[in-house]
Amino acid sequence: MNKLILIVLGLMLVGCTPELKTVTDDNTSSEIETVTPEEHHLLVEWGSDAMDRGNHDYDSITHSELVVDPNDDTLERGDVVYYKMLEAAIKKNSRIPENYLGRVVGLPGETVMIRYGHVYINHEKLDTFYGEATKTGATEEEYFEHADLSGVEDIDAVKRYFKTEMNPVHVEEGTVFVLVDQWWRGTDSKDFGLLPVERIQGTVLGYSK
């Protein structure tokens, strides 16, 4: 019998399971701040629901303009960035805005993949609110427990969405891997690949006060 199998069986016999390694993000809040813009900040209008987690998040029509810091050169996981969309993506879909929002998920040197609707960084599960497939902020369990499914025509398609898969992608130097918070509503690195850092116009700080 394989040695690894024997080890796992031994742990199960004593009531233990192997520890699953995870990548956590303790710095990024799911709440969006309201900030006072400074002179060098950009004020951006954004009307897409690609980042909507249930409160029209990042929607400047419902809330106020977004404050973008163009001088923030230190990209971290969890940052929401304002960037120039890749021309190839716009050619495929002319309705995609030239300027877009996305959340930095993968950093240079890392490998990003998606398995059963969960993001993995270097084969370790990303344990944070933006690390899995959601519908308007609801996880698969929350969605099927509370959502009104009477108007959903294809339940199987929804179930497949919550089990989204993506092969491993190595994040090259000078690029990042970005995702919108609502994968089914927007365009991101799952569709166009890695985002060159030079296309990023700034980091979104929050709503304008």
C-alpha atoms as a PDB file:
ATOM      1  CA  MET A   1       0.000   0.000   0.000  1.00  0.00           C
ATOM      2  CA  ASN A   2       1.190   3.508  -0.820  1.00  0.00           C
ATOM      3  CA  LYS A   3       3.039   5.129   2.131  1.00  0.00           C
ATOM      4  CA  LEU A   4       0.973   8.344   1.891  1.00  0.00           C
ATOM      5  CA  ILE A   5      -2.272   6.370   2.082  1.00  0.00           C
ATOM      6  CA  LEU A   6      -1.008   4.603   5.193  1.00  0.00           C
ATOM      7  CA  ILE A   7      -0.223   7.946   6.824  1.00  0.00           C
ATOM      8  CA  VAL A   8      -3.688   9.320   6.030  1.00  0.00           C
ATOM      9  CA  LEU A   9      -5.368   6.154   7.326  1.00  0.00           C
ATOM     10  CA  GLY A  10      -3.333   6.401  10.508  1.00  0.00           C
ATOM     11  CA  LEU A  11      -4.465   9.985  11.064  1.00  0.00           C
ATOM     12  CA  MET A  12      -8.086   8.998  10.483  1.00  0.00           C
ATOM     13  CA  LEU A  13      -7.804   6.194  13.032  1.00  0.00           C
ATOM     14  CA  VAL A  14      -6.795   8.658  15.731  1.00  0.00           C
ATOM     15  CA  GLY A  15      -9.544  11.091  14.756  1.00  0.00           C
ATOM     16  CA  CYS A  16      -7.319  13.527  12.877  1.00  0.00           C
ATOM     17  CA  THR A  17      -7.171  14.791   9.302  1.00  0.00           C
ATOM     18  CA  PRO A  18      -4.193  16.253   7.435  1.00  0.00           C
ATOM     19  CA  GLU A  19      -3.971  20.031   7.856  1.00  0.00           C
ATOM     20  CA  LEU A  20      -5.036  21.889   4.714  1.00  0.00           C
ATOM     21  CA  LYS A  21      -2.713  24.791   3.969  1.00  0.00           C
ATOM     22  CA  THR A  22      -4.412  28.055   3.064  1.00  0.00           C
ATOM     23  CA  VAL A  23      -3.489  31.552   1.947  1.00  0.00           C
ATOM     24  CA  THR A  24      -5.266  34.210   3.984  1.00  0.00           C
ATOM     25  CA  ASP A  25      -5.810  37.935   3.539  1.00  0.00           C
ATOM     26  CA  ASP A  26      -6.250  39.674   6.887  1.00  0.00           C
ATOM     27  CA  ASN A  27      -5.793  43.175   5.478  1.00  0.00           C
ATOM     28  CA  THR A  28      -8.572  43.490   2.893  1.00  0.00           C
ATOM     29  CA  SER A  29     -12.008  44.346   4.239  1.00  0.00           C
ATOM     30  CA  SER A  30     -15.220  43.439   2.464  1.00  0.00           C
ATOM     31  CA  GLU A  31     -16.514  46.872   3.508  1.00  0.00           C
ATOM     32  CA  ILE A  32     -15.752  49.808   1.207  1.00  0.00           C
ATOM     33  CA  GLU A  33     -14.483  52.956   2.899  1.00  0.00           C
ATOM     34  CA  THR A  34     -15.671  56.498   2.292  1.00  0.00           C
ATOM     35  CA  VAL A  35     -12.677  58.785   1.867  1.00  0.00           C
ATOM     36  CA  THR A  36     -11.961  62.454   1.317  1.00  0.00           C
ATOM     37  CA  PRO A  37     -10.259  62.804  -2.070  1.00  0.00           C
ATOM     38  CA  GLU A  38      -6.949  64.634  -2.242  1.00  0.00           C
ATOM     39  CA  GLU A  39      -5.745  66.852  -5.063  1.00  0.00           C
ATOM     40  CA  HIS A  40      -3.780  64.128  -6.854  1.00  0.00           C
ATOM     41  CA  HIS A  41      -6.590  61.536  -6.690  1.00  0.00           C
ATOM     42  CA  LEU A  42      -8.788  60.597  -9.641  1.00  0.00           C
ATOM     43  CA  LEU A  43     -12.579  60.622  -9.302  1.00  0.00           C
ATOM     44  CA  VAL A  44     -14.091  57.817 -11.353  1.00  0.00           C
ATOM     45  CA  GLU A  45     -17.660  56.970 -12.295  1.00  0.00           C
ATOM     46  CA  TRP A  46     -18.422  53.256 -12.510  1.00  0.00           C
ATOM     47  CA  GLY A  47     -21.807  51.736 -13.340  1.00  0.00           C
ATOM     48  CA  SER A  48     -21.081  48.026 -13.850  1.00  0.00           C
ATOM     49  CA  ASP A  49     -22.326  45.376 -11.415  1.00  0.00           C
ATOM     50  CA  ALA A  50     -19.278  43.131 -11.895  1.00  0.00           C
ATOM     51  CA  MET A  51     -18.112  43.960  -8.351  1.00  0.00           C
ATOM     52  CA  ASP A  52     -21.578  43.885  -6.720  1.00  0.00           C
ATOM     53  CA  ARG A  53     -21.609  41.701  -3.594  1.00  0.00           C
ATOM     54  CA  GLY A  54     -25.151  42.660  -2.661  1.00  0.00           C
ATOM     55  CA  ASN A  55     -24.989  46.398  -1.977  1.00  0.00           C
ATOM     56  CA  HIS A  56     -24.323  47.741  -5.493  1.00  0.00           C
ATOM     57  CA  ASP A  57     -20.673  47.699  -4.491  1.00  0.00           C
ATOM     58  CA  TYR A  58     -18.363  50.114  -6.335  1.00  0.00           C
ATOM     59  CA  ASP A  59     -21.385  51.489  -8.233  1.00  0.00           C
ATOM     60  CA  SER A  60     -20.948  55.273  -8.349  1.00  0.00           C
ATOM     61  CA  ILE A  61     -24.535  55.711  -9.547  1.00  0.00           C
ATOM     62  CA  THR A  62     -25.923  54.244  -6.315  1.00  0.00           C
ATOM     63  CA  HIS A  63     -23.174  55.569  -4.047  1.00  0.00           C
ATOM     64  CA  SER A  64     -20.686  58.265  -5.079  1.00  0.00           C
ATOM     65  CA  GLU A  65     -17.662  58.578  -7.324  1.00  0.00           C
ATOM     66  CA  LEU A  66     -14.751  56.234  -6.700  1.00  0.00           C
ATOM     67  CA  VAL A  67     -11.516  57.700  -5.388  1.00  0.00           C
ATOM     68  CA  VAL A  68      -8.498  56.292  -7.224  1.00  0.00           C
ATOM     69  CA  ASP A  69      -4.912  56.823  -6.091  1.00  0.00           C
ATOM     70  CA  PRO A  70      -2.668  56.931  -9.200  1.00  0.00           C
ATOM     71  CA  ASN A  71       0.490  57.115  -7.082  1.00  0.00           C
ATOM     72  CA  ASP A  72       0.048  53.800  -5.282  1.00  0.00           C
ATOM     73  CA  ASP A  73       2.854  51.639  -6.662  1.00  0.00           C
ATOM     74  CA  THR A  74       2.668  48.901  -4.016  1.00  0.00           C
ATOM     75  CA  LEU A  75       0.151  46.365  -5.307  1.00  0.00           C
ATOM     76  CA  GLU A  76      -1.078  43.858  -2.749  1.00  0.00           C
ATOM     77  CA  ARG A  77      -3.467  40.963  -2.913  1.00  0.00           C
ATOM     78  CA  GLY A  78      -6.998  42.207  -2.414  1.00  0.00           C
ATOM     79  CA  ASP A  79      -6.425  45.659  -3.921  1.00  0.00           C
ATOM     80  CA  VAL A  80      -9.128  46.841  -6.324  1.00  0.00           C
ATOM     81  CA  VAL A  81      -7.449  48.507  -9.290  1.00  0.00           C
ATOM     82  CA  TYR A  82      -8.647  50.802 -12.062  1.00  0.00           C
ATOM     83  CA  TYR A  83      -7.028  49.866 -15.365  1.00  0.00           C
ATOM     84  CA  LYS A  84      -7.051  50.105 -19.139  1.00  0.00           C
ATOM     85  CA  MET A  85      -8.797  47.032 -20.511  1.00  0.00           C
ATOM     86  CA  LEU A  86      -6.816  44.936 -22.977  1.00  0.00           C
ATOM     87  CA  GLU A  87      -7.654  45.736 -26.589  1.00  0.00           C
ATOM     88  CA  ALA A  88      -8.021  42.043 -27.439  1.00  0.00           C
ATOM     89  CA  ALA A  89     -10.824  41.714 -24.880  1.00  0.00           C
ATOM     90  CA  ILE A  90     -12.655  44.745 -26.299  1.00  0.00           C
ATOM     91  CA  LYS A  91     -12.371  43.311 -29.823  1.00  0.00           C
ATOM     92  CA  LYS A  92     -14.138  40.162 -28.620  1.00  0.00           C
ATOM     93  CA  ASN A  93     -16.858  42.176 -26.882  1.00  0.00           C
ATOM     94  CA  SER A  94     -17.318  45.810 -27.917  1.00  0.00           C
ATOM     95  CA  ARG A  95     -19.582  46.441 -24.898  1.00  0.00           C
ATOM     96  CA  ILE A  96     -16.657  46.107 -22.481  1.00  0.00           C
ATOM     97  CA  PRO A  97     -15.635  49.567 -21.175  1.00  0.00           C
ATOM     98  CA  GLU A  98     -12.187  50.851 -22.043  1.00  0.00           C
ATOM     99  CA  ASN A  99     -11.503  51.466 -18.341  1.00  0.00           C
ATOM    100  CA  TYR A 100     -12.285  48.669 -15.917  1.00  0.00           C
ATOM    101  CA  LEU A 101     -12.116  47.507 -12.296  1.00  0.00           C
ATOM    102  CA  GLY A 102     -10.666  44.283 -10.955  1.00  0.00           C
ATOM    103  CA  ARG A 103      -9.280  42.859  -7.736  1.00  0.00           C
ATOM    104  CA  VAL A 104      -5.657  41.738  -7.544  1.00  0.00           C
ATOM    105  CA  VAL A 105      -5.640  38.031  -6.675  1.00  0.00           C
ATOM    106  CA  GLY A 106      -2.346  36.708  -8.026  1.00  0.00           C
ATOM    107  CA  LEU A 107       1.038  38.435  -7.692  1.00  0.00           C
ATOM    108  CA  PRO A 108       4.239  38.023  -9.754  1.00  0.00           C
ATOM    109  CA  GLY A 109       5.885  34.639  -9.240  1.00  0.00           C
ATOM    110  CA  GLU A 110       2.705  32.944  -8.010  1.00  0.00           C
ATOM    111  CA  THR A 111       0.587  30.285  -9.676  1.00  0.00           C
ATOM    112  CA  VAL A 112      -3.179  30.832  -9.684  1.00  0.00           C
ATOM    113  CA  MET A 113      -5.789  28.180 -10.406  1.00  0.00           C
ATOM    114  CA  ILE A 114      -9.481  27.635  -9.698  1.00  0.00           C
ATOM    115  CA  ARG A 115     -10.856  24.286  -8.559  1.00  0.00           C
ATOM    116  CA  TYR A 116     -14.513  23.624  -7.752  1.00  0.00           C
ATOM    117  CA  GLY A 117     -15.184  27.354  -7.544  1.00  0.00           C
ATOM    118  CA  HIS A 118     -12.290  28.144  -5.186  1.00  0.00           C
ATOM    119  CA  VAL A 119      -9.123  30.103  -5.954  1.00  0.00           C
ATOM    120  CA  TYR A 120      -5.785  28.468  -5.144  1.00  0.00           C
ATOM    121  CA  ILE A 121      -2.473  30.304  -4.841  1.00  0.00           C
ATOM    122  CA  ASN A 122       0.544  28.039  -5.293  1.00  0.00           C
ATOM    123  CA  HIS A 123      -1.855  25.106  -4.752  1.00  0.00           C
ATOM    124  CA  GLU A 124      -3.060  26.496  -1.411  1.00  0.00           C
ATOM    125  CA  LYS A 125      -6.694  27.591  -1.045  1.00  0.00           C
ATOM    126  CA  LEU A 126      -7.243  31.358  -0.876  1.00  0.00           C
ATOM    127  CA  ASP A 127      -9.319  31.799   2.269  1.00  0.00           C
ATOM    128  CA  THR A 128     -11.017  35.196   1.946  1.00  0.00           C
ATOM    129  CA  PHE A 129     -14.351  36.681   0.855  1.00  0.00           C
ATOM    130  CA  TYR A 130     -13.160  37.128  -2.745  1.00  0.00           C
ATOM    131  CA  GLY A 131     -11.559  33.686  -3.024  1.00  0.00           C
ATOM    132  CA  GLU A 132     -14.572  31.740  -4.318  1.00  0.00           C
ATOM    133  CA  ALA A 133     -17.412  31.939  -6.802  1.00  0.00           C
ATOM    134  CA  THR A 134     -20.366  33.914  -5.441  1.00  0.00           C
ATOM    135  CA  LYS A 135     -23.608  35.347  -6.766  1.00  0.00           C
ATOM    136  CA  THR A 136     -24.175  38.862  -5.438  1.00  0.00           C
ATOM    137  CA  GLY A 137     -21.948  37.996  -2.511  1.00  0.00           C
ATOM    138  CA  ALA A 138     -23.669  34.702  -1.657  1.00  0.00           C
ATOM    139  CA  THR A 139     -21.698  31.468  -1.542  1.00  0.00           C
ATOM    140  CA  GLU A 140     -23.162  28.355  -3.149  1.00  0.00           C
ATOM    141  CA  GLU A 141     -24.648  27.171   0.159  1.00  0.00           C
ATOM    142  CA  GLU A 142     -26.101  30.603   0.961  1.00  0.00           C
ATOM    143  CA  TYR A 143     -27.497  31.048  -2.529  1.00  0.00           C
ATOM    144  CA  PHE A 144     -29.396  27.772  -2.707  1.00  0.00           C
ATOM    145  CA  GLU A 145     -30.639  28.195   0.858  1.00  0.00           C
ATOM    146  CA  HIS A 146     -31.992  31.756   0.541  1.00  0.00           C
ATOM    147  CA  ALA A 147     -32.355  32.722  -3.149  1.00  0.00           C
ATOM    148  CA  ASP A 148     -35.671  32.731  -4.980  1.00  0.00           C
ATOM    149  CA  LEU A 149     -35.086  30.132  -7.674  1.00  0.00           C
ATOM    150  CA  SER A 150     -38.505  30.429  -9.286  1.00  0.00           C
ATOM    151  CA  GLY A 151     -37.156  32.635 -12.072  1.00  0.00           C
ATOM    152  CA  VAL A 152     -33.958  30.643 -12.693  1.00  0.00           C
ATOM    153  CA  GLU A 153     -34.298  28.824 -16.004  1.00  0.00           C
ATOM    154  CA  ASP A 154     -31.144  26.700 -15.825  1.00  0.00           C
ATOM    155  CA  ILE A 155     -30.307  25.528 -12.306  1.00  0.00           C
ATOM    156  CA  ASP A 156     -27.608  23.211 -13.659  1.00  0.00           C
ATOM    157  CA  ALA A 157     -25.804  26.189 -15.215  1.00  0.00           C
ATOM    158  CA  VAL A 158     -25.811  27.938 -11.834  1.00  0.00           C
ATOM    159  CA  LYS A 159     -24.437  24.816 -10.171  1.00  0.00           C
ATOM    160  CA  ARG A 160     -21.689  24.616 -12.815  1.00  0.00           C
ATOM    161  CA  TYR A 161     -20.836  28.251 -12.169  1.00  0.00           C
ATOM    162  CA  PHE A 162     -20.286  27.569  -8.477  1.00  0.00           C
ATOM    163  CA  LYS A 163     -17.874  24.788  -9.538  1.00  0.00           C
ATOM    164  CA  THR A 164     -15.897  27.015 -11.938  1.00  0.00           C
ATOM    165  CA  GLU A 165     -12.576  25.518 -13.036  1.00  0.00           C
ATOM    166  CA  MET A 166      -9.451  27.193 -14.424  1.00  0.00           C
ATOM    167  CA  ASN A 167      -6.115  25.598 -15.209  1.00  0.00           C
ATOM    168  CA  PRO A 168      -3.018  26.876 -13.384  1.00  0.00           C
ATOM    169  CA  VAL A 169      -1.647  30.219 -14.605  1.00  0.00           C
ATOM    170  CA  HIS A 170       1.851  31.393 -13.691  1.00  0.00           C
ATOM    171  CA  VAL A 171       1.904  35.134 -12.968  1.00  0.00           C
ATOM    172  CA  GLU A 172       4.860  36.638 -14.793  1.00  0.00           C
ATOM    173  CA  GLU A 173       6.943  39.577 -13.617  1.00  0.00           C
ATOM    174  CA  GLY A 174       5.347  42.907 -14.469  1.00  0.00           C
ATOM    175  CA  THR A 175       1.837  41.444 -14.419  1.00  0.00           C
ATOM    176  CA  VAL A 176      -0.929  40.555 -11.954  1.00  0.00           C
ATOM    177  CA  PHE A 177      -3.907  38.210 -12.065  1.00  0.00           C
ATOM    178  CA  VAL A 178      -7.180  40.066 -11.485  1.00  0.00           C
ATOM    179  CA  LEU A 179     -10.733  38.889 -10.832  1.00  0.00           C
ATOM    180  CA  VAL A 180     -14.008  40.756 -10.550  1.00  0.00           C
ATOM    181  CA  ASP A 181     -15.905  39.874  -7.369  1.00  0.00           C
ATOM    182  CA  GLN A 182     -18.837  38.471  -9.365  1.00  0.00           C
ATOM    183  CA  TRP A 183     -17.176  36.162 -11.878  1.00  0.00           C
ATOM    184  CA  TRP A 184     -20.374  35.633 -13.879  1.00  0.00           C
ATOM    185  CA  ARG A 185     -20.997  39.342 -14.438  1.00  0.00           C
ATOM    186  CA  GLY A 186     -17.696  40.751 -15.641  1.00  0.00           C
ATOM    187  CA  THR A 187     -14.451  40.284 -17.546  1.00  0.00           C
ATOM    188  CA  ASP A 188     -11.146  39.486 -15.884  1.00  0.00           C
ATOM    189  CA  SER A 189      -7.969  37.399 -16.085  1.00  0.00           C
ATOM    190  CA  LYS A 190     -10.011  34.225 -16.515  1.00  0.00           C
ATOM    191  CA  ASP A 191     -10.942  35.671 -19.904  1.00  0.00           C
ATOM    192  CA  PHE A 192      -8.013  37.793 -21.123  1.00  0.00           C
ATOM    193  CA  GLY A 193      -5.080  36.425 -19.133  1.00  0.00           C
ATOM    194  CA  LEU A 194      -2.562  38.376 -17.094  1.00  0.00           C
ATOM    195  CA  LEU A 195      -2.879  42.138 -16.658  1.00  0.00           C
ATOM    196  CA  PRO A 196       0.313  44.127 -17.320  1.00  0.00           C
ATOM    197  CA  VAL A 197       1.015  46.408 -14.371  1.00  0.00           C
ATOM    198  CA  GLU A 198       1.680  49.290 -16.770  1.00  0.00           C
ATOM    199  CA  ARG A 199      -2.045  49.314 -17.665  1.00  0.00           C
ATOM    200  CA  ILE A 200      -3.082  50.000 -14.061  1.00  0.00           C
ATOM    201  CA  GLN A 201      -4.075  53.633 -13.577  1.00  0.00           C
ATOM    202  CA  GLY A 202      -4.439  53.461  -9.801  1.00  0.00           C
ATOM    203  CA  THR A 203      -5.785  51.737  -6.716  1.00  0.00           C
ATOM    204  CA  VAL A 204      -9.408  52.302  -5.659  1.00  0.00           C
ATOM    205  CA  LEU A 205      -9.477  53.714  -2.117  1.00  0.00           C
ATOM    206  CA  GLY A 206     -13.265  53.857  -1.703  1.00  0.00           C
ATOM    207  CA  TYR A 207     -16.247  56.130  -2.287  1.00  0.00           C
ATOM    208  CA  SER A 208     -15.784  59.869  -2.388  1.00  0.00           C
ATOM    209  CA  LYS A 209     -16.945  61.662   0.782  1.00  0.00           C
END
